[in-house]
PDB file of N, CA and C in Angstrom:
ATOM      1  N   MET A   1       0.740  -1.629  -0.134  1.00  0.00           N
ATOM      2  CA  MET A   1       0.029   0.184  -0.366  1.00  0.00           C
ATOM      3  C   MET A   1       1.032   1.053   0.094  1.00  0.00           C
ATOM      4  N   ASP A   2       0.350   2.665  -1.093  1.00  0.00           N
ATOM      5  CA  ASP A   2       1.545   3.599  -0.404  1.00  0.00           C
ATOM      6  C   ASP A   2       0.625   4.245   0.194  1.00  0.00           C
ATOM      7  N   GLN A   3       1.398   5.556   0.035  1.00  0.00           N
ATOM      8  CA  GLN A   3       0.964   6.684   1.174  1.00  0.00           C
ATOM      9  C   GLN A   3      -0.545   7.242   0.379  1.00  0.00           C
ATOM     10  N   ALA A   4      -0.458   7.322  -1.078  1.00  0.00           N
ATOM     11  CA  ALA A   4      -1.540   7.529  -1.426  1.00  0.00           C
ATOM     12  C   ALA A   4      -2.552   7.267  -0.714  1.00  0.00           C
ATOM     13  N   ASP A   5      -2.397   5.822  -0.680  1.00  0.00           N
ATOM     14  CA  ASP A   5      -3.782   4.694  -0.305  1.00  0.00           C
ATOM     15  C   ASP A   5      -3.865   4.788   1.936  1.00  0.00           C
ATOM     16  N   ASP A   6      -2.682   5.542   2.173  1.00  0.00           N
ATOM     17  CA  ASP A   6      -2.908   5.257   3.604  1.00  0.00           C
ATOM     18  C   ASP A   6      -3.857   6.558   4.346  1.00  0.00           C
ATOM     19  N   ALA A   7      -2.858   7.846   3.382  1.00  0.00           N
ATOM     20  CA  ALA A   7      -4.329   8.857   3.873  1.00  0.00           C
ATOM     21  C   ALA A   7      -5.987   9.169   4.186  1.00  0.00           C
ATOM     22  N   ASN A   8      -5.914   7.780   2.807  1.00  0.00           N
ATOM     23  CA  ASN A   8      -7.274   7.515   3.290  1.00  0.00           C
ATOM     24  C   ASN A   8      -8.126   6.849   4.237  1.00  0.00           C
ATOM     25  N   LEU A   9      -7.282   5.829   5.315  1.00  0.00           N
ATOM     26  CA  LEU A   9      -7.463   5.831   6.027  1.00  0.00           C
ATOM     27  C   LEU A   9      -7.758   5.935   7.224  1.00  0.00           C
ATOM     28  N   VAL A  10      -8.653   5.533   8.544  1.00  0.00           N
ATOM     29  CA  VAL A  10      -9.637   5.606   8.957  1.00  0.00           C
ATOM     30  C   VAL A  10      -8.543   4.989  10.535  1.00  0.00           C
ATOM     31  N   ASP A  11      -7.876   5.577  11.069  1.00  0.00           N
ATOM     32  CA  ASP A  11      -7.492   5.195  12.150  1.00  0.00           C
ATOM     33  C   ASP A  11      -8.011   3.351  12.688  1.00  0.00           C
ATOM     34  N   GLU A  12      -7.012   3.316  13.684  1.00  0.00           N
ATOM     35  CA  GLU A  12      -7.444   1.326  13.656  1.00  0.00           C
ATOM     36  C   GLU A  12      -8.946   1.720  14.716  1.00  0.00           C
ATOM     37  N   GLU A  13      -8.640   2.453  15.500  1.00  0.00           N
ATOM     38  CA  GLU A  13      -9.455   2.501  16.594  1.00  0.00           C
ATOM     39  C   GLU A  13     -11.024   2.776  16.048  1.00  0.00           C
ATOM     40  N   ASP A  14     -11.352   3.630  14.849  1.00  0.00           N
ATOM     41  CA  ASP A  14     -12.504   3.183  14.688  1.00  0.00           C
ATOM     42  C   ASP A  14     -12.305   2.384  12.983  1.00  0.00           C
ATOM     43  N   ALA A  15     -11.721   2.364  13.099  1.00  0.00           N
ATOM     44  CA  ALA A  15     -11.831   0.521  11.208  1.00  0.00           C
ATOM     45  C   ALA A  15     -13.372  -0.614  12.095  1.00  0.00           C
ATOM     46  N   CYS A  16     -13.678  -0.361  11.331  1.00  0.00           N
ATOM     47  CA  CYS A  16     -14.982  -1.206  11.458  1.00  0.00           C
ATOM     48  C   CYS A  16     -14.528  -2.518  12.243  1.00  0.00           C
ATOM     49  N   PRO A  17     -15.323  -2.946  13.707  1.00  0.00           N
ATOM     50  CA  PRO A  17     -15.344  -4.189  14.448  1.00  0.00           C
ATOM     51  C   PRO A  17     -15.453  -5.653  13.847  1.00  0.00           C
ATOM     52  N   VAL A  18     -16.304  -5.850  13.351  1.00  0.00           N
ATOM     53  CA  VAL A  18     -15.782  -6.716  12.157  1.00  0.00           C
ATOM     54  C   VAL A  18     -14.822  -7.257  11.128  1.00  0.00           C
ATOM     55  N   CYS A  19     -14.873  -6.691  10.331  1.00  0.00           N
ATOM     56  CA  CYS A  19     -14.301  -6.988   9.361  1.00  0.00           C
ATOM     57  C   CYS A  19     -12.598  -5.634   9.342  1.00  0.00           C
ATOM     58  N   SER A  20     -12.543  -5.905  10.187  1.00  0.00           N
ATOM     59  CA  SER A  20     -11.889  -4.513   9.909  1.00  0.00           C
ATOM     60  C   SER A  20     -11.405  -2.751   9.431  1.00  0.00           C
ATOM     61  N   GLU A  21     -11.827  -3.375   8.284  1.00  0.00           N
ATOM     62  CA  GLU A  21     -12.064  -2.024   7.075  1.00  0.00           C
ATOM     63  C   GLU A  21     -12.203  -0.420   7.106  1.00  0.00           C
ATOM     64  N   ARG A  22     -10.780  -0.212   7.160  1.00  0.00           N
ATOM     65  CA  ARG A  22     -10.477   1.547   7.525  1.00  0.00           C
ATOM     66  C   ARG A  22     -10.739   2.548   6.063  1.00  0.00           C
ATOM     67  N   ASN A  23     -10.858   1.673   5.064  1.00  0.00           N
ATOM     68  CA  ASN A  23     -10.902   2.903   4.224  1.00  0.00           C
ATOM     69  C   ASN A  23     -11.902   4.048   4.426  1.00  0.00           C
ATOM     70  N   ALA A  24     -11.808   4.816   4.115  1.00  0.00           N
ATOM     71  CA  ALA A  24     -13.115   6.072   4.556  1.00  0.00           C
ATOM     72  C   ALA A  24     -14.171   5.896   3.789  1.00  0.00           C
ATOM     73  N   ASP A  25     -13.833   5.949   2.453  1.00  0.00           N
ATOM     74  CA  ASP A  25     -14.053   5.013   1.221  1.00  0.00           C
ATOM     75  C   ASP A  25     -15.675   4.667   1.964  1.00  0.00           C
ATOM     76  N   ARG A  26     -15.751   3.327   1.604  1.00  0.00           N
ATOM     77  CA  ARG A  26     -15.749   2.150   2.512  1.00  0.00           C
ATOM     78  C   ARG A  26     -16.424   2.066   3.562  1.00  0.00           C
ATOM     79  N   LEU A  27     -16.815   3.406   4.480  1.00  0.00           N
ATOM     80  CA  LEU A  27     -17.312   3.515   6.193  1.00  0.00           C
ATOM     81  C   LEU A  27     -17.951   4.622   5.394  1.00  0.00           C
ATOM     82  N   ALA A  28     -19.564   4.682   5.926  1.00  0.00           N
ATOM     83  CA  ALA A  28     -20.457   5.068   5.802  1.00  0.00           C
ATOM     84  C   ALA A  28     -20.904   5.986   6.663  1.00  0.00           C
ATOM     85  N   TRP A  29     -21.515   7.255   6.878  1.00  0.00           N
ATOM     86  CA  TRP A  29     -22.063   7.407   8.668  1.00  0.00           C
ATOM     87  C   TRP A  29     -23.106   7.211   7.774  1.00  0.00           C
ATOM     88  N   LEU A  30     -24.235   7.383   9.127  1.00  0.00           N
ATOM     89  CA  LEU A  30     -25.511   7.412   8.863  1.00  0.00           C
ATOM     90  C   LEU A  30     -25.971   8.119   9.469  1.00  0.00           C
ATOM     91  N   ASP A  31     -25.758   8.593  10.819  1.00  0.00           N
ATOM     92  CA  ASP A  31     -25.449   9.686  10.988  1.00  0.00           C
ATOM     93  C   ASP A  31     -24.333   9.936  12.183  1.00  0.00           C
ATOM     94  N   ASP A  32     -25.454  10.563  13.307  1.00  0.00           N
ATOM     95  CA  ASP A  32     -23.948  11.984  13.398  1.00  0.00           C
ATOM     96  C   ASP A  32     -23.186  10.702  14.576  1.00  0.00           C
ATOM     97  N   GLU A  33     -23.254   9.888  15.121  1.00  0.00           N
ATOM     98  CA  GLU A  33     -22.853   8.728  16.213  1.00  0.00           C
ATOM     99  C   GLU A  33     -22.949   7.024  15.331  1.00  0.00           C
ATOM    100  N   LYS A  34     -23.507   7.267  14.140  1.00  0.00           N
ATOM    101  CA  LYS A  34     -23.669   5.391  13.896  1.00  0.00           C
ATOM    102  C   LYS A  34     -22.299   5.805  12.193  1.00  0.00           C
ATOM    103  N   VAL A  35     -21.681   4.666  12.317  1.00  0.00           N
ATOM    104  CA  VAL A  35     -20.952   3.922  10.349  1.00  0.00           C
ATOM    105  C   VAL A  35     -21.280   2.659   9.741  1.00  0.00           C
ATOM    106  N   GLU A  36     -22.450   2.405   8.716  1.00  0.00           N
ATOM    107  CA  GLU A  36     -22.402   1.697   8.478  1.00  0.00           C
ATOM    108  C   GLU A  36     -21.048   1.043   7.262  1.00  0.00           C
ATOM    109  N   CYS A  37     -20.356  -0.179   7.426  1.00  0.00           N
ATOM    110  CA  CYS A  37     -19.084  -0.397   6.991  1.00  0.00           C
ATOM    111  C   CYS A  37     -19.868  -1.411   5.666  1.00  0.00           C
ATOM    112  N   GLN A  38     -19.304  -0.701   4.311  1.00  0.00           N
ATOM    113  CA  GLN A  38     -20.204  -1.205   3.117  1.00  0.00           C
ATOM    114  C   GLN A  38     -19.624  -2.562   2.745  1.00  0.00           C
ATOM    115  N   MET A  39     -17.819  -2.723   3.331  1.00  0.00           N
ATOM    116  CA  MET A  39     -17.579  -4.129   2.886  1.00  0.00           C
ATOM    117  C   MET A  39     -18.630  -5.123   2.758  1.00  0.00           C
ATOM    118  N   CYS A  40     -19.331  -4.947   4.733  1.00  0.00           N
ATOM    119  CA  CYS A  40     -19.733  -6.218   6.032  1.00  0.00           C
ATOM    120  C   CYS A  40     -20.656  -5.941   6.752  1.00  0.00           C
ATOM    121  N   GLY A  41     -21.110  -4.902   6.612  1.00  0.00           N
ATOM    122  CA  GLY A  41     -22.734  -3.431   6.382  1.00  0.00           C
ATOM    123  C   GLY A  41     -22.914  -4.393   8.202  1.00  0.00           C
ATOM    124  N   THR A  42     -21.996  -4.080   8.252  1.00  0.00           N
ATOM    125  CA  THR A  42     -21.803  -3.573  10.115  1.00  0.00           C
ATOM    126  C   THR A  42     -21.764  -2.148  10.162  1.00  0.00           C
ATOM    127  N   VAL A  43     -23.500  -2.403  11.199  1.00  0.00           N
ATOM    128  CA  VAL A  43     -23.641  -1.060  12.027  1.00  0.00           C
ATOM    129  C   VAL A  43     -22.972  -0.963  13.724  1.00  0.00           C
ATOM    130  N   TYR A  44     -21.689   0.655  13.328  1.00  0.00           N
ATOM    131  CA  TYR A  44     -20.668   0.808  14.378  1.00  0.00           C
ATOM    132  C   TYR A  44     -21.147   1.952  14.951  1.00  0.00           C
ATOM    133  N   LYS A  45     -20.895   2.303  16.686  1.00  0.00           N
ATOM    134  CA  LYS A  45     -20.699   3.522  17.171  1.00  0.00           C
ATOM    135  C   LYS A  45     -19.500   3.913  17.181  1.00  0.00           C
ATOM    136  N   PRO A  46     -18.290   4.169  16.029  1.00  0.00           N
ATOM    137  CA  PRO A  46     -16.687   5.064  16.564  1.00  0.00           C
ATOM    138  C   PRO A  46     -16.587   5.011  17.168  1.00  0.00           C
ATOM    139  N   PRO A  47     -15.538   4.767  17.591  1.00  0.00           N
ATOM    140  CA  PRO A  47     -15.193   5.425  19.820  1.00  0.00           C
ATOM    141  C   PRO A  47     -14.778   7.008  19.592  1.00  0.00           C
ATOM    142  N   ARG A  48     -14.410   7.876  18.662  1.00  0.00           N
ATOM    143  CA  ARG A  48     -14.393   8.765  18.962  1.00  0.00           C
ATOM    144  C   ARG A  48     -15.792   9.201  18.350  1.00  0.00           C
ATOM    145  N   GLY A  49     -16.148   8.973  17.496  1.00  0.00           N
ATOM    146  CA  GLY A  49     -17.703   9.382  17.111  1.00  0.00           C
ATOM    147  C   GLY A  49     -17.412  10.854  15.898  1.00  0.00           C
ATOM    148  N   GLY A  50     -17.911  11.449  15.500  1.00  0.00           N
ATOM    149  CA  GLY A  50     -17.568  12.075  14.202  1.00  0.00           C
ATOM    150  C   GLY A  50     -15.590  13.002  14.360  1.00  0.00           C
ATOM    151  N   GLU A  51     -15.451  13.147  15.110  1.00  0.00           N
ATOM    152  CA  GLU A  51     -14.745  14.805  15.289  1.00  0.00           C
ATOM    153  C   GLU A  51     -13.413  13.627  13.945  1.00  0.00           C
TER     154      GLU A  51
END
């Protein structure tokens, strides 16, 4: 993975808890608190929220 790819990754603690997806383009905010992983369909609340 090159640096351009790394720039679009969320921090590890904000990754999907099921499949560990970190690509921000695959993690869709549903509201101010919840994210849906586009890879596995998991809806979760990232520890840091929308900061």
